[in-house]
C-alpha atoms as a PDB file:
ATOM      1  CA  MET A   1      87.781 -43.124 -94.279  1.00  0.00           C
ATOM      2  CA  ARG A   2      89.669 -39.847 -94.456  1.00  0.00           C
ATOM      3  CA  MET A   3      92.917 -39.468 -92.475  1.00  0.00           C
ATOM      4  CA  ARG A   4      92.885 -36.793 -89.753  1.00  0.00           C
ATOM      5  CA  SER A   5      95.567 -34.229 -89.231  1.00  0.00           C
ATOM      6  CA  PHE A   6      97.782 -34.612 -86.167  1.00  0.00           C
ATOM      7  CA  ALA A   7      96.524 -31.232 -84.882  1.00  0.00           C
ATOM      8  CA  GLY A   8      92.923 -32.291 -85.448  1.00  0.00           C
ATOM      9  CA  ALA A   9      93.352 -35.631 -83.679  1.00  0.00           C
ATOM     10  CA  LEU A  10      95.393 -34.437 -80.671  1.00  0.00           C
ATOM     11  CA  PRO A  11      95.068 -30.629 -80.558  1.00  0.00           C
ATOM     12  CA  GLU A  12      96.584 -29.996 -77.105  1.00  0.00           C
ATOM     13  CA  LEU A  13      99.570 -32.242 -77.718  1.00  0.00           C
ATOM     14  CA  ALA A  14     100.114 -30.783 -81.182  1.00  0.00           C
ATOM     15  CA  PHE A  15      99.994 -27.238 -79.766  1.00  0.00           C
ATOM     16  CA  ASP A  16     102.523 -28.022 -76.978  1.00  0.00           C
ATOM     17  CA  LEU A  17     104.971 -29.818 -79.296  1.00  0.00           C
ATOM     18  CA  THR A  18     104.715 -27.154 -82.014  1.00  0.00           C
ATOM     19  CA  LEU A  19     105.282 -24.380 -79.511  1.00  0.00           C
ATOM     20  CA  GLU A  20     108.432 -25.975 -78.145  1.00  0.00           C
ATOM     21  CA  LEU A  21     109.755 -26.754 -81.627  1.00  0.00           C
ATOM     22  CA  CYS A  22     109.332 -23.121 -82.590  1.00  0.00           C
ATOM     23  CA  ALA A  23     110.915 -21.872 -79.328  1.00  0.00           C
ATOM     24  CA  THR A  24     113.979 -24.061 -79.898  1.00  0.00           C
ATOM     25  CA  GLY A  25     114.493 -22.904 -83.493  1.00  0.00           C
ATOM     26  CA  ARG A  26     112.960 -25.918 -85.176  1.00  0.00           C
ATOM     27  CA  SER A  27     110.003 -24.151 -86.846  1.00  0.00           C
ATOM     28  CA  ASP A  28     110.716 -26.314 -89.952  1.00  0.00           C
ATOM     29  CA  LEU A  29     109.711 -29.410 -87.924  1.00  0.00           C
ATOM     30  CA  ALA A  30     106.784 -27.544 -86.325  1.00  0.00           C
ATOM     31  CA  ARG A  31     105.372 -26.813 -89.803  1.00  0.00           C
ATOM     32  CA  GLU A  32     105.960 -30.379 -90.905  1.00  0.00           C
ATOM     33  CA  LEU A  33     104.275 -31.764 -87.775  1.00  0.00           C
ATOM     34  CA  GLU A  34     101.259 -29.554 -88.446  1.00  0.00           C
ATOM     35  CA  ALA A  35     101.041 -30.905 -92.028  1.00  0.00           C
ATOM     36  CA  CYS A  36     101.204 -34.581 -90.986  1.00  0.00           C
ATOM     37  CA  THR A  37      98.237 -36.873 -90.982  1.00  0.00           C
ATOM     38  CA  VAL A  38      97.688 -39.701 -88.501  1.00  0.00           C
ATOM     39  CA  LYS A  39      98.206 -43.186 -89.958  1.00  0.00           C
ATOM     40  CA  SER A  40      97.510 -45.103 -86.756  1.00  0.00           C
ATOM     41  CA  VAL A  41      97.399 -44.822 -82.981  1.00  0.00           C
ATOM     42  CA  SER A  42      98.543 -47.518 -80.622  1.00  0.00           C
ATOM     43  CA  TYR A  43      98.671 -47.633 -76.790  1.00  0.00           C
ATOM     44  CA  ASP A  44      99.810 -50.415 -74.479  1.00  0.00           C
ATOM     45  CA  PRO A  45      98.373 -49.914 -70.961  1.00  0.00           C
ATOM     46  CA  GLU A  46     100.784 -52.462 -69.484  1.00  0.00           C
ATOM     47  CA  THR A  47     103.878 -50.469 -70.461  1.00  0.00           C
ATOM     48  CA  ASP A  48     102.038 -47.099 -70.535  1.00  0.00           C
ATOM     49  CA  VAL A  49     103.512 -46.303 -73.963  1.00  0.00           C
ATOM     50  CA  GLY A  50     101.685 -44.864 -76.948  1.00  0.00           C
ATOM     51  CA  LEU A  51     102.705 -44.310 -80.535  1.00  0.00           C
ATOM     52  CA  VAL A  52     101.055 -42.011 -83.025  1.00  0.00           C
ATOM     53  CA  ALA A  53     102.297 -43.054 -86.476  1.00  0.00           C
ATOM     54  CA  LEU A  54     102.263 -40.146 -88.903  1.00  0.00           C
ATOM     55  CA  GLN A  55     102.231 -39.743 -92.657  1.00  0.00           C
ATOM     56  CA  ALA A  56     104.534 -36.929 -93.757  1.00  0.00           C
ATOM     57  CA  LYS A  57     103.246 -34.573 -96.387  1.00  0.00           C
ATOM     58  CA  ARG A  58     106.367 -35.112 -98.568  1.00  0.00           C
ATOM     59  CA  GLN A  59     106.273 -38.604-100.041  1.00  0.00           C
ATOM     60  CA  LEU A  60     109.411 -40.567-100.807  1.00  0.00           C
ATOM     61  CA  ASN A  61     110.448 -40.808-104.427  1.00  0.00           C
ATOM     62  CA  ALA A  62     111.233 -44.193-106.086  1.00  0.00           C
ATOM     63  CA  VAL A  63     114.948 -44.044-105.338  1.00  0.00           C
ATOM     64  CA  GLU A  64     114.472 -43.061-101.695  1.00  0.00           C
ATOM     65  CA  ARG A  65     111.817 -45.747-101.225  1.00  0.00           C
ATOM     66  CA  ASN A  66     113.330 -48.661-103.212  1.00  0.00           C
ATOM     67  CA  VAL A  67     117.065 -48.073-103.190  1.00  0.00           C
ATOM     68  CA  ILE A  68     117.943 -46.219-100.011  1.00  0.00           C
ATOM     69  CA  GLY A  69     115.017 -47.346 -97.867  1.00  0.00           C
ATOM     70  CA  GLN A  70     113.279 -45.656 -94.960  1.00  0.00           C
ATOM     71  CA  LYS A  71     114.849 -46.088 -91.492  1.00  0.00           C
ATOM     72  CA  LEU A  72     114.604 -44.347 -88.123  1.00  0.00           C
ATOM     73  CA  GLY A  73     116.914 -41.383 -88.327  1.00  0.00           C
ATOM     74  CA  GLN A  74     116.631 -39.198 -85.226  1.00  0.00           C
ATOM     75  CA  VAL A  75     114.590 -38.972 -82.021  1.00  0.00           C
ATOM     76  CA  ILE A  76     113.940 -35.496 -80.651  1.00  0.00           C
ATOM     77  CA  PRO A  77     112.924 -35.320 -76.947  1.00  0.00           C
ATOM     78  CA  PHE A  78     110.852 -32.480 -75.519  1.00  0.00           C
ATOM     79  CA  SER A  79     111.613 -30.716 -72.233  1.00  0.00           C
ATOM     80  CA  ASP A  80     108.171 -29.092 -71.775  1.00  0.00           C
ATOM     81  CA  ALA A  81     106.486 -32.440 -72.508  1.00  0.00           C
ATOM     82  CA  PRO A  82     109.075 -34.920 -71.204  1.00  0.00           C
ATOM     83  CA  TYR A  83     106.842 -37.894 -71.927  1.00  0.00           C
ATOM     84  CA  ALA A  84     106.917 -37.131 -75.689  1.00  0.00           C
ATOM     85  CA  SER A  85     109.524 -37.611 -78.386  1.00  0.00           C
ATOM     86  CA  LEU A  86     109.375 -36.894 -82.084  1.00  0.00           C
ATOM     87  CA  GLN A  87     110.700 -39.552 -84.458  1.00  0.00           C
ATOM     88  CA  LEU A  88     112.221 -38.602 -87.795  1.00  0.00           C
ATOM     89  CA  ASP A  89     113.206 -40.905 -90.584  1.00  0.00           C
ATOM     90  CA  ASN A  90     116.611 -40.917 -92.283  1.00  0.00           C
ATOM     91  CA  PHE A  91     115.280 -38.301 -94.697  1.00  0.00           C
ATOM     92  CA  GLY A  92     114.383 -35.896 -91.865  1.00  0.00           C
ATOM     93  CA  ARG A  93     110.647 -36.384 -92.246  1.00  0.00           C
ATOM     94  CA  VAL A  94     108.390 -36.594 -89.140  1.00  0.00           C
ATOM     95  CA  VAL A  95     107.116 -40.173 -88.903  1.00  0.00           C
ATOM     96  CA  ALA A  96     105.829 -40.644 -85.332  1.00  0.00           C
ATOM     97  CA  VAL A  97     105.292 -39.243 -81.845  1.00  0.00           C
ATOM     98  CA  GLU A  98     106.118 -41.653 -79.029  1.00  0.00           C
ATOM     99  CA  LEU A  99     104.496 -41.068 -75.670  1.00  0.00           C
ATOM    100  CA  VAL A 100     105.954 -42.728 -72.551  1.00  0.00           C
ATOM    101  CA  ALA A 101     103.816 -42.394 -69.423  1.00  0.00           C
ATOM    102  CA  PRO A 102     101.630 -39.652 -70.856  1.00  0.00           C
ATOM    103  CA  PRO A 103      99.327 -37.518 -68.657  1.00  0.00           C
ATOM    104  CA  ARG A 104      96.012 -39.091 -67.725  1.00  0.00           C
ATOM    105  CA  ASN A 105      93.835 -37.131 -70.205  1.00  0.00           C
ATOM    106  CA  LEU A 106      96.193 -37.991 -73.117  1.00  0.00           C
ATOM    107  CA  ARG A 107      96.390 -41.614 -71.974  1.00  0.00           C
ATOM    108  CA  TRP A 108      92.592 -41.851 -72.172  1.00  0.00           C
ATOM    109  CA  THR A 109      92.531 -40.395 -75.662  1.00  0.00           C
ATOM    110  CA  LEU A 110      95.251 -42.805 -76.838  1.00  0.00           C
ATOM    111  CA  ARG A 111      93.437 -45.761 -75.289  1.00  0.00           C
ATOM    112  CA  LEU A 112      90.184 -44.871 -77.077  1.00  0.00           C
ATOM    113  CA  ALA A 113      91.875 -44.314 -80.415  1.00  0.00           C
ATOM    114  CA  SER A 114      93.854 -47.539 -80.062  1.00  0.00           C
ATOM    115  CA  ASN A 115      90.871 -49.636 -78.950  1.00  0.00           C
ATOM    116  CA  TYR A 116      88.856 -48.556 -81.941  1.00  0.00           C
ATOM    117  CA  ARG A 117      91.817 -49.351 -84.175  1.00  0.00           C
ATOM    118  CA  TRP A 118      91.537 -45.937 -85.728  1.00  0.00           C
ATOM    119  CA  ARG A 119      93.600 -46.041 -88.915  1.00  0.00           C
ATOM    120  CA  GLY A 120      93.776 -44.101 -92.098  1.00  0.00           C
ATOM    121  CA  PRO A 121      93.274 -45.768 -95.457  1.00  0.00           C
END
């Protein structure tokens, strides 16, 4: 199974987040978000929280992976999409988009993707 791009999997969300990143001077993150592929999608209807785990285009080298280790580095909230936040690792790479109480149409998409356990290789 081939992994899908973030923009291909969730085009409206990708457009909104990329637009705001560019407008706030973070076009570097907008380009990285566009280049990411979706590793997995999860959604919990009880808490109304979804997570889109992403694979950054830039892979970690052996020292970064085995010596330093990957950790959560920064969370960037969005004002135009207040239900979304972008998660970066300690190397500044985009690793996930968290969605808390997303709009109904996005909630449905997350639920479908999560129920089918849609995952990349």
